[in-house]
Amino acid sequence: MVVFSKAEHEDAIKRIMTPRVPVVRKTRKRMRGWTEDEVKQLKKLYQKENTQSLADKLGRTLGSVHRKACNIGITQRLSIWSSEELTLLKEIYSNTNVMEISERMGRSVPAIRAKAFKLKVTRPHKSHTQSEK
């Protein structure tokens, strides 16, 4: 025969009398199919637009957009820079905001910075004046 202390007995009674909370399990979200309109938009914009903004417009995840594009055989444009783009970048990089250049050229900010670095194009450094020190 097992003997329980009064505290152990009270704990056991509490456990028995306390209703159990059901365990809520996360269910996997059901993937929805692509509509014809979504596929048309994807084909039209995939090579021209930032993939994340396209995913946001379509209400899809970034991975979903990449997978669908791959499945239907479309790729993003090659990032070959034309001689006109290179000339423009060399001319405006030193005195124009990188975000403005990015919007104007239709390229990402990291792409602009990387190409400028490869071309050895620099921006003027801000000099420190006595009042800033």
C-alpha atoms as a PDB file:
ATOM      1  CA  MET A   1       0.000   0.000   0.000  1.00  0.00           C
ATOM      2  CA  VAL A   2       1.292   3.458  -0.990  1.00  0.00           C
ATOM      3  CA  VAL A   3       0.968   6.234   1.526  1.00  0.00           C
ATOM      4  CA  PHE A   4       0.722   9.849   0.336  1.00  0.00           C
ATOM      5  CA  SER A   5       1.278  12.938   2.363  1.00  0.00           C
ATOM      6  CA  LYS A   6      -1.594  15.377   2.678  1.00  0.00           C
ATOM      7  CA  ALA A   7       0.094  17.810   0.188  1.00  0.00           C
ATOM      8  CA  GLU A   8       0.662  15.017  -2.367  1.00  0.00           C
ATOM      9  CA  HIS A   9      -2.948  13.923  -1.967  1.00  0.00           C
ATOM     10  CA  GLU A  10      -4.228  17.484  -2.541  1.00  0.00           C
ATOM     11  CA  ASP A  11      -2.000  17.881  -5.635  1.00  0.00           C
ATOM     12  CA  ALA A  12      -3.335  14.621  -7.065  1.00  0.00           C
ATOM     13  CA  ILE A  13      -6.933  15.736  -6.488  1.00  0.00           C
ATOM     14  CA  LYS A  14      -6.222  19.098  -8.193  1.00  0.00           C
ATOM     15  CA  ARG A  15      -4.729  17.340 -11.215  1.00  0.00           C
ATOM     16  CA  ILE A  16      -7.695  15.033 -11.493  1.00  0.00           C
ATOM     17  CA  MET A  17     -10.247  17.806 -11.093  1.00  0.00           C
ATOM     18  CA  THR A  18      -8.563  20.361 -13.394  1.00  0.00           C
ATOM     19  CA  PRO A  19      -9.966  20.144 -16.912  1.00  0.00           C
ATOM     20  CA  ARG A  20      -7.386  19.497 -19.596  1.00  0.00           C
ATOM     21  CA  VAL A  21      -6.739  22.139 -22.170  1.00  0.00           C
ATOM     22  CA  PRO A  22      -6.809  20.670 -25.659  1.00  0.00           C
ATOM     23  CA  VAL A  23      -3.540  20.860 -27.542  1.00  0.00           C
ATOM     24  CA  VAL A  24      -3.844  23.084 -30.577  1.00  0.00           C
ATOM     25  CA  ARG A  25      -1.669  21.845 -33.384  1.00  0.00           C
ATOM     26  CA  LYS A  26      -0.633  24.078 -36.192  1.00  0.00           C
ATOM     27  CA  THR A  27      -1.987  22.908 -39.468  1.00  0.00           C
ATOM     28  CA  ARG A  28      -0.149  23.447 -42.677  1.00  0.00           C
ATOM     29  CA  LYS A  29      -1.645  26.179 -44.795  1.00  0.00           C
ATOM     30  CA  ARG A  30      -3.290  24.785 -47.865  1.00  0.00           C
ATOM     31  CA  MET A  31      -1.625  26.068 -50.985  1.00  0.00           C
ATOM     32  CA  ARG A  32      -3.952  27.690 -53.437  1.00  0.00           C
ATOM     33  CA  GLY A  33      -3.542  27.265 -57.143  1.00  0.00           C
ATOM     34  CA  TRP A  34      -2.476  29.990 -59.496  1.00  0.00           C
ATOM     35  CA  THR A  35      -5.191  31.680 -61.540  1.00  0.00           C
ATOM     36  CA  GLU A  36      -4.716  32.442 -65.235  1.00  0.00           C
ATOM     37  CA  ASP A  37      -4.597  36.164 -64.445  1.00  0.00           C
ATOM     38  CA  GLU A  38      -1.853  35.643 -61.854  1.00  0.00           C
ATOM     39  CA  VAL A  39       0.211  33.617 -64.336  1.00  0.00           C
ATOM     40  CA  LYS A  40      -0.256  36.333 -66.975  1.00  0.00           C
ATOM     41  CA  GLN A  41       0.898  38.989 -64.511  1.00  0.00           C
ATOM     42  CA  LEU A  42       3.861  36.843 -63.526  1.00  0.00           C
ATOM     43  CA  LYS A  43       4.906  36.376 -67.157  1.00  0.00           C
ATOM     44  CA  LYS A  44       4.514  40.086 -67.847  1.00  0.00           C
ATOM     45  CA  LEU A  45       6.313  41.446 -64.772  1.00  0.00           C
ATOM     46  CA  TYR A  46       8.820  38.793 -63.645  1.00  0.00           C
ATOM     47  CA  GLN A  47      11.658  40.075 -65.806  1.00  0.00           C
ATOM     48  CA  LYS A  48      10.932  43.735 -65.184  1.00  0.00           C
ATOM     49  CA  GLU A  49      10.021  44.053 -61.533  1.00  0.00           C
ATOM     50  CA  ASN A  50      11.559  43.305 -58.152  1.00  0.00           C
ATOM     51  CA  THR A  51      10.430  39.788 -57.221  1.00  0.00           C
ATOM     52  CA  GLN A  52       9.426  40.705 -53.660  1.00  0.00           C
ATOM     53  CA  SER A  53       7.186  43.548 -54.817  1.00  0.00           C
ATOM     54  CA  LEU A  54       5.665  41.224 -57.421  1.00  0.00           C
ATOM     55  CA  ALA A  55       5.022  38.622 -54.706  1.00  0.00           C
ATOM     56  CA  ASP A  56       3.344  41.306 -52.582  1.00  0.00           C
ATOM     57  CA  LYS A  57       1.135  42.382 -55.506  1.00  0.00           C
ATOM     58  CA  LEU A  58       0.081  38.794 -56.142  1.00  0.00           C
ATOM     59  CA  GLY A  59      -0.419  37.984 -52.453  1.00  0.00           C
ATOM     60  CA  ARG A  60       2.143  35.185 -52.716  1.00  0.00           C
ATOM     61  CA  THR A  61       5.345  34.296 -50.936  1.00  0.00           C
ATOM     62  CA  LEU A  62       8.683  35.013 -52.560  1.00  0.00           C
ATOM     63  CA  GLY A  63       9.391  31.270 -52.802  1.00  0.00           C
ATOM     64  CA  SER A  64       6.037  30.649 -54.453  1.00  0.00           C
ATOM     65  CA  VAL A  65       6.750  33.252 -57.132  1.00  0.00           C
ATOM     66  CA  HIS A  66      10.227  31.838 -57.822  1.00  0.00           C
ATOM     67  CA  ARG A  67       8.880  28.254 -58.009  1.00  0.00           C
ATOM     68  CA  LYS A  68       6.051  29.143 -60.360  1.00  0.00           C
ATOM     69  CA  ALA A  69       8.369  31.124 -62.639  1.00  0.00           C
ATOM     70  CA  CYS A  70      10.772  28.187 -62.759  1.00  0.00           C
ATOM     71  CA  ASN A  71       7.935  25.726 -63.419  1.00  0.00           C
ATOM     72  CA  ILE A  72       6.616  27.707 -66.382  1.00  0.00           C
ATOM     73  CA  GLY A  73      10.119  28.323 -67.737  1.00  0.00           C
ATOM     74  CA  ILE A  74      10.605  32.051 -67.273  1.00  0.00           C
ATOM     75  CA  THR A  75      13.753  33.575 -65.865  1.00  0.00           C
ATOM     76  CA  GLN A  76      14.705  37.026 -64.707  1.00  0.00           C
ATOM     77  CA  ARG A  77      16.595  39.173 -67.126  1.00  0.00           C
ATOM     78  CA  LEU A  78      20.294  38.740 -67.308  1.00  0.00           C
ATOM     79  CA  SER A  79      22.054  41.467 -65.439  1.00  0.00           C
ATOM     80  CA  ILE A  80      24.290  42.462 -68.323  1.00  0.00           C
ATOM     81  CA  TRP A  81      24.979  46.166 -68.182  1.00  0.00           C
ATOM     82  CA  SER A  82      24.809  48.081 -71.467  1.00  0.00           C
ATOM     83  CA  SER A  83      27.522  50.567 -72.349  1.00  0.00           C
ATOM     84  CA  GLU A  84      24.930  53.352 -71.974  1.00  0.00           C
ATOM     85  CA  GLU A  85      24.141  52.210 -68.429  1.00  0.00           C
ATOM     86  CA  LEU A  86      27.835  52.072 -67.528  1.00  0.00           C
ATOM     87  CA  THR A  87      28.419  55.560 -68.912  1.00  0.00           C
ATOM     88  CA  LEU A  88      25.413  56.940 -67.061  1.00  0.00           C
ATOM     89  CA  LEU A  89      26.494  55.320 -63.805  1.00  0.00           C
ATOM     90  CA  LYS A  90      29.993  56.777 -64.123  1.00  0.00           C
ATOM     91  CA  GLU A  91      28.525  60.231 -64.762  1.00  0.00           C
ATOM     92  CA  ILE A  92      25.944  60.391 -61.988  1.00  0.00           C
ATOM     93  CA  TYR A  93      27.215  58.113 -59.219  1.00  0.00           C
ATOM     94  CA  SER A  94      29.373  60.695 -57.468  1.00  0.00           C
ATOM     95  CA  ASN A  95      26.642  63.308 -57.058  1.00  0.00           C
ATOM     96  CA  THR A  96      23.305  61.435 -57.079  1.00  0.00           C
ATOM     97  CA  ASN A  97      21.562  59.487 -54.323  1.00  0.00           C
ATOM     98  CA  VAL A  98      21.932  55.729 -54.847  1.00  0.00           C
ATOM     99  CA  MET A  99      18.177  55.198 -54.384  1.00  0.00           C
ATOM    100  CA  GLU A 100      17.487  57.683 -57.177  1.00  0.00           C
ATOM    101  CA  ILE A 101      19.988  55.938 -59.435  1.00  0.00           C
ATOM    102  CA  SER A 102      18.388  52.603 -58.604  1.00  0.00           C
ATOM    103  CA  GLU A 103      14.911  53.843 -59.538  1.00  0.00           C
ATOM    104  CA  ARG A 104      16.148  55.601 -62.643  1.00  0.00           C
ATOM    105  CA  MET A 105      18.084  52.595 -63.944  1.00  0.00           C
ATOM    106  CA  GLY A 106      15.695  49.888 -62.787  1.00  0.00           C
ATOM    107  CA  ARG A 107      18.395  48.079 -60.830  1.00  0.00           C
ATOM    108  CA  SER A 108      18.716  47.266 -57.146  1.00  0.00           C
ATOM    109  CA  VAL A 109      20.750  49.438 -54.786  1.00  0.00           C
ATOM    110  CA  PRO A 110      23.224  46.579 -54.118  1.00  0.00           C
ATOM    111  CA  ALA A 111      23.649  46.104 -57.893  1.00  0.00           C
ATOM    112  CA  ILE A 112      24.378  49.819 -58.339  1.00  0.00           C
ATOM    113  CA  ARG A 113      26.926  49.834 -55.508  1.00  0.00           C
ATOM    114  CA  ALA A 114      28.605  46.626 -56.695  1.00  0.00           C
ATOM    115  CA  LYS A 115      28.946  47.880 -60.263  1.00  0.00           C
ATOM    116  CA  ALA A 116      30.277  51.255 -59.089  1.00  0.00           C
ATOM    117  CA  PHE A 117      32.846  49.444 -56.955  1.00  0.00           C
ATOM    118  CA  LYS A 118      33.932  47.297 -59.928  1.00  0.00           C
ATOM    119  CA  LEU A 119      34.215  50.421 -62.066  1.00  0.00           C
ATOM    120  CA  LYS A 120      36.161  52.136 -59.268  1.00  0.00           C
ATOM    121  CA  VAL A 121      33.683  55.000 -59.245  1.00  0.00           C
ATOM    122  CA  THR A 122      33.611  56.695 -55.868  1.00  0.00           C
ATOM    123  CA  ARG A 123      31.454  59.137 -54.006  1.00  0.00           C
ATOM    124  CA  PRO A 124      33.018  62.179 -52.338  1.00  0.00           C
ATOM    125  CA  HIS A 125      33.782  61.643 -48.657  1.00  0.00           C
ATOM    126  CA  LYS A 126      32.151  64.002 -46.192  1.00  0.00           C
ATOM    127  CA  SER A 127      34.837  66.098 -44.532  1.00  0.00           C
ATOM    128  CA  HIS A 128      34.595  66.848 -40.832  1.00  0.00           C
ATOM    129  CA  THR A 129      34.527  70.504 -39.893  1.00  0.00           C
ATOM    130  CA  GLN A 130      35.522  71.947 -36.549  1.00  0.00           C
ATOM    131  CA  SER A 131      31.834  72.380 -35.562  1.00  0.00           C
ATOM    132  CA  GLU A 132      31.162  68.644 -36.065  1.00  0.00           C
ATOM    133  CA  LYS A 133      34.015  67.561 -33.775  1.00  0.00           C
END
